[in-house]
Structures are given as structure tokens and as C-alpha cells.
């Protein structure tokens, strides 16, 4: 089993990768100009346990 140093990796750690997928789903292929200001806190809310 090899150890991956995520600080020096082009891959995200599993927890970060999962949160990035959630953000992408919330954005839903929209342009930044199409995202409403009130949506931003919800979109950027990460690691909500």
C-alpha cells in the first residue's frame, strides 16, 4: 500500500473530491453570471457534517 501526499498531488483527497462533486452538481453547468448571489453560500458550503 502506497501513501499519497495530497499536498503534492494532482489528485484531490477522497473527502475533497466528494465535496467538489457536490459543488459541481449545485452549479449544474451554469455560467458564473447565471448564479444568483443568494445561491453562493449554499454552493460554497463544504464539509457540512
PDB file of N, CA and C in Angstrom:
ATOM      1  N   UNK A   1       0.846  -1.182   0.000  1.00  0.00           N
ATOM      2  CA  UNK A   1       0.000   0.000   0.000  1.00  0.00           C
ATOM      3  C   UNK A   1       0.887   1.240   0.000  1.00  0.00           C
ATOM      4  N   UNK A   2       0.654   2.120  -0.953  1.00  0.00           N
ATOM      5  CA  UNK A   2       1.456   3.329  -1.036  1.00  0.00           C
ATOM      6  C   UNK A   2       0.718   4.504  -0.418  1.00  0.00           C
ATOM      7  N   UNK A   3       1.476   5.404   0.141  1.00  0.00           N
ATOM      8  CA  UNK A   3       0.915   6.615   0.726  1.00  0.00           C
ATOM      9  C   UNK A   3       0.963   7.728  -0.313  1.00  0.00           C
ATOM     10  N   UNK A   4      -0.120   8.465  -0.466  1.00  0.00           N
ATOM     11  CA  UNK A   4      -0.173   9.579  -1.404  1.00  0.00           C
ATOM     12  C   UNK A   4      -0.108  10.873  -0.614  1.00  0.00           C
ATOM     13  N   UNK A   5       0.825  11.725  -0.993  1.00  0.00           N
ATOM     14  CA  UNK A   5       0.929  13.047  -0.373  1.00  0.00           C
ATOM     15  C   UNK A   5       0.023  13.986  -1.171  1.00  0.00           C
ATOM     16  N   UNK A   6      -1.192  14.238  -0.676  1.00  0.00           N
ATOM     17  CA  UNK A   6      -2.153  15.064  -1.401  1.00  0.00           C
ATOM     18  C   UNK A   6      -1.722  16.522  -1.493  1.00  0.00           C
ATOM     19  N   UNK A   7      -0.775  16.950  -0.674  1.00  0.00           N
ATOM     20  CA  UNK A   7      -0.257  18.313  -0.778  1.00  0.00           C
ATOM     21  C   UNK A   7       0.567  18.496  -2.048  1.00  0.00           C
ATOM     22  N   UNK A   8       1.113  17.404  -2.571  1.00  0.00           N
ATOM     23  CA  UNK A   8       1.945  17.459  -3.773  1.00  0.00           C
ATOM     24  C   UNK A   8       1.349  16.611  -4.889  1.00  0.00           C
ATOM     25  N   UNK A   9       0.059  16.425  -4.873  1.00  0.00           N
ATOM     26  CA  UNK A   9      -0.599  15.556  -5.838  1.00  0.00           C
ATOM     27  C   UNK A   9      -1.536  16.355  -6.734  1.00  0.00           C
ATOM     28  N   UNK A  10      -1.730  15.851  -7.948  1.00  0.00           N
ATOM     29  CA  UNK A  10      -2.702  16.479  -8.852  1.00  0.00           C
ATOM     30  C   UNK A  10      -4.097  15.934  -8.591  1.00  0.00           C
ATOM     31  N   UNK A  11      -4.202  14.962  -7.687  1.00  0.00           N
ATOM     32  CA  UNK A  11      -5.488  14.377  -7.320  1.00  0.00           C
ATOM     33  C   UNK A  11      -5.922  14.908  -5.956  1.00  0.00           C
ATOM     34  N   UNK A  12      -7.215  15.053  -5.796  1.00  0.00           N
ATOM     35  CA  UNK A  12      -7.749  15.506  -4.515  1.00  0.00           C
ATOM     36  C   UNK A  12      -7.920  14.322  -3.574  1.00  0.00           C
ATOM     37  N   UNK A  13      -7.912  14.597  -2.292  1.00  0.00           N
ATOM     38  CA  UNK A  13      -8.185  13.546  -1.327  1.00  0.00           C
ATOM     39  C   UNK A  13      -9.659  13.143  -1.488  1.00  0.00           C
ATOM     40  N   UNK A  14     -10.035  11.955  -1.062  1.00  0.00           N
ATOM     41  CA  UNK A  14     -11.420  11.495  -1.249  1.00  0.00           C
ATOM     42  C   UNK A  14     -12.476  12.438  -0.683  1.00  0.00           C
ATOM     43  N   UNK A  15     -12.227  13.012   0.476  1.00  0.00           N
ATOM     44  CA  UNK A  15     -13.213  13.921   1.076  1.00  0.00           C
ATOM     45  C   UNK A  15     -13.375  15.188   0.234  1.00  0.00           C
ATOM     46  N   UNK A  16     -12.278  15.753  -0.232  1.00  0.00           N
ATOM     47  CA  UNK A  16     -12.341  16.966  -1.059  1.00  0.00           C
ATOM     48  C   UNK A  16     -12.984  16.666  -2.408  1.00  0.00           C
ATOM     49  N   UNK A  17     -12.646  15.536  -2.982  1.00  0.00           N
ATOM     50  CA  UNK A  17     -13.229  15.146  -4.263  1.00  0.00           C
ATOM     51  C   UNK A  17     -14.746  15.039  -4.157  1.00  0.00           C
ATOM     52  N   UNK A  18     -15.219  14.465  -3.077  1.00  0.00           N
ATOM     53  CA  UNK A  18     -16.664  14.321  -2.854  1.00  0.00           C
ATOM     54  C   UNK A  18     -17.330  15.692  -2.765  1.00  0.00           C
ATOM     55  N   UNK A  19     -16.705  16.630  -2.051  1.00  0.00           N
ATOM     56  CA  UNK A  19     -17.272  17.969  -1.903  1.00  0.00           C
ATOM     57  C   UNK A  19     -17.248  18.727  -3.228  1.00  0.00           C
ATOM     58  N   UNK A  20     -16.216  18.545  -4.016  1.00  0.00           N
ATOM     59  CA  UNK A  20     -16.148  19.192  -5.335  1.00  0.00           C
ATOM     60  C   UNK A  20     -17.257  18.683  -6.239  1.00  0.00           C
ATOM     61  N   UNK A  21     -17.561  17.406  -6.162  1.00  0.00           N
ATOM     62  CA  UNK A  21     -18.655  16.853  -6.948  1.00  0.00           C
ATOM     63  C   UNK A  21     -19.988  17.474  -6.538  1.00  0.00           C
ATOM     64  N   UNK A  22     -20.176  17.708  -5.231  1.00  0.00           N
ATOM     65  CA  UNK A  22     -21.401  18.353  -4.751  1.00  0.00           C
ATOM     66  C   UNK A  22     -21.510  19.768  -5.291  1.00  0.00           C
ATOM     67  N   UNK A  23     -20.409  20.514  -5.274  1.00  0.00           N
ATOM     68  CA  UNK A  23     -20.410  21.886  -5.783  1.00  0.00           C
ATOM     69  C   UNK A  23     -20.728  21.894  -7.272  1.00  0.00           C
ATOM     70  N   UNK A  24     -20.118  20.997  -8.032  1.00  0.00           N
ATOM     71  CA  UNK A  24     -20.400  20.914  -9.467  1.00  0.00           C
ATOM     72  C   UNK A  24     -21.868  20.619  -9.725  1.00  0.00           C
ATOM     73  N   UNK A  25     -22.449  19.764  -8.911  1.00  0.00           N
ATOM     74  CA  UNK A  25     -23.867  19.436  -9.067  1.00  0.00           C
ATOM     75  C   UNK A  25     -24.732  20.661  -8.779  1.00  0.00           C
ATOM     76  N   UNK A  26     -24.366  21.455  -7.775  1.00  0.00           N
ATOM     77  CA  UNK A  26     -25.131  22.646  -7.420  1.00  0.00           C
ATOM     78  C   UNK A  26     -25.040  23.712  -8.511  1.00  0.00           C
ATOM     79  N   UNK A  27     -23.870  23.824  -9.136  1.00  0.00           N
ATOM     80  CA  UNK A  27     -23.683  24.804 -10.209  1.00  0.00           C
ATOM     81  C   UNK A  27     -24.437  24.363 -11.465  1.00  0.00           C
ATOM     82  N   UNK A  28     -24.459  23.065 -11.729  1.00  0.00           N
ATOM     83  CA  UNK A  28     -25.249  22.491 -12.813  1.00  0.00           C
ATOM     84  C   UNK A  28     -24.928  23.106 -14.175  1.00  0.00           C
ATOM     85  N   UNK A  29     -23.637  23.197 -14.505  1.00  0.00           N
ATOM     86  CA  UNK A  29     -23.165  23.687 -15.807  1.00  0.00           C
ATOM     87  C   UNK A  29     -23.600  25.116 -16.144  1.00  0.00           C
ATOM     88  N   UNK A  30     -23.862  25.923 -15.137  1.00  0.00           N
ATOM     89  CA  UNK A  30     -24.232  27.317 -15.383  1.00  0.00           C
ATOM     90  C   UNK A  30     -22.984  28.187 -15.417  1.00  0.00           C
ATOM     91  N   UNK A  31     -23.084  29.315 -16.097  1.00  0.00           N
ATOM     92  CA  UNK A  31     -22.015  30.304 -16.074  1.00  0.00           C
ATOM     93  C   UNK A  31     -22.071  31.014 -14.729  1.00  0.00           C
ATOM     94  N   UNK A  32     -20.943  31.549 -14.300  1.00  0.00           N
ATOM     95  CA  UNK A  32     -20.917  32.271 -13.022  1.00  0.00           C
ATOM     96  C   UNK A  32     -21.901  33.432 -13.020  1.00  0.00           C
ATOM     97  N   UNK A  33     -22.090  34.067 -14.163  1.00  0.00           N
ATOM     98  CA  UNK A  33     -23.016  35.204 -14.238  1.00  0.00           C
ATOM     99  C   UNK A  33     -24.470  34.766 -14.056  1.00  0.00           C
ATOM    100  N   UNK A  34     -24.750  33.498 -14.214  1.00  0.00           N
ATOM    101  CA  UNK A  34     -26.114  32.988 -14.076  1.00  0.00           C
ATOM    102  C   UNK A  34     -26.448  32.571 -12.639  1.00  0.00           C
ATOM    103  N   UNK A  35     -25.442  32.525 -11.796  1.00  0.00           N
ATOM    104  CA  UNK A  35     -25.651  32.110 -10.412  1.00  0.00           C
ATOM    105  C   UNK A  35     -26.082  33.316  -9.590  1.00  0.00           C
ATOM    106  N   UNK A  36     -27.171  33.170  -8.882  1.00  0.00           N
ATOM    107  CA  UNK A  36     -27.700  34.262  -8.073  1.00  0.00           C
ATOM    108  C   UNK A  36     -26.867  34.424  -6.801  1.00  0.00           C
ATOM    109  N   UNK A  37     -26.752  35.650  -6.352  1.00  0.00           N
ATOM    110  CA  UNK A  37     -25.966  35.960  -5.162  1.00  0.00           C
ATOM    111  C   UNK A  37     -26.416  35.150  -3.956  1.00  0.00           C
ATOM    112  N   UNK A  38     -27.721  34.972  -3.809  1.00  0.00           N
ATOM    113  CA  UNK A  38     -28.232  34.238  -2.646  1.00  0.00           C
ATOM    114  C   UNK A  38     -27.896  32.745  -2.704  1.00  0.00           C
ATOM    115  N   UNK A  39     -27.514  32.238  -3.870  1.00  0.00           N
ATOM    116  CA  UNK A  39     -27.146  30.829  -4.004  1.00  0.00           C
ATOM    117  C   UNK A  39     -25.709  30.545  -3.576  1.00  0.00           C
ATOM    118  N   UNK A  40     -24.865  31.565  -3.623  1.00  0.00           N
ATOM    119  CA  UNK A  40     -23.433  31.375  -3.386  1.00  0.00           C
ATOM    120  C   UNK A  40     -23.121  30.704  -2.049  1.00  0.00           C
ATOM    121  N   UNK A  41     -23.686  31.143  -0.925  1.00  0.00           N
ATOM    122  CA  UNK A  41     -23.356  30.461   0.337  1.00  0.00           C
ATOM    123  C   UNK A  41     -23.708  28.972   0.319  1.00  0.00           C
ATOM    124  N   UNK A  42     -24.818  28.631  -0.300  1.00  0.00           N
ATOM    125  CA  UNK A  42     -25.220  27.223  -0.378  1.00  0.00           C
ATOM    126  C   UNK A  42     -24.268  26.440  -1.281  1.00  0.00           C
ATOM    127  N   UNK A  43     -23.884  27.033  -2.402  1.00  0.00           N
ATOM    128  CA  UNK A  43     -22.989  26.356  -3.344  1.00  0.00           C
ATOM    129  C   UNK A  43     -21.627  26.114  -2.712  1.00  0.00           C
ATOM    130  N   UNK A  44     -21.129  27.101  -1.993  1.00  0.00           N
ATOM    131  CA  UNK A  44     -19.777  27.007  -1.438  1.00  0.00           C
ATOM    132  C   UNK A  44     -19.717  26.363  -0.057  1.00  0.00           C
ATOM    133  N   UNK A  45     -20.854  25.980   0.473  1.00  0.00           N
ATOM    134  CA  UNK A  45     -20.852  25.323   1.776  1.00  0.00           C
ATOM    135  C   UNK A  45     -20.281  23.916   1.613  1.00  0.00           C
ATOM    136  N   UNK A  46     -19.105  23.712   2.179  1.00  0.00           N
ATOM    137  CA  UNK A  46     -18.451  22.409   2.042  1.00  0.00           C
ATOM    138  C   UNK A  46     -18.225  21.776   3.411  1.00  0.00           C
ATOM    139  N   UNK A  47     -18.054  20.521   3.386  1.00  0.00           N
ATOM    140  CA  UNK A  47     -17.804  19.747   4.596  1.00  0.00           C
ATOM    141  C   UNK A  47     -18.878  19.984   5.650  1.00  0.00           C
ATOM    142  N   UNK A  48     -20.126  19.940   5.215  1.00  0.00           N
ATOM    143  CA  UNK A  48     -21.257  20.102   6.111  1.00  0.00           C
ATOM    144  C   UNK A  48     -21.578  18.727   6.719  1.00  0.00           C
ATOM    145  N   UNK A  49     -21.124  18.528   7.932  1.00  0.00           N
ATOM    146  CA  UNK A  49     -21.285  17.207   8.559  1.00  0.00           C
ATOM    147  C   UNK A  49     -22.569  17.123   9.312  1.00  0.00           C
TER     148      UNK A  49
END
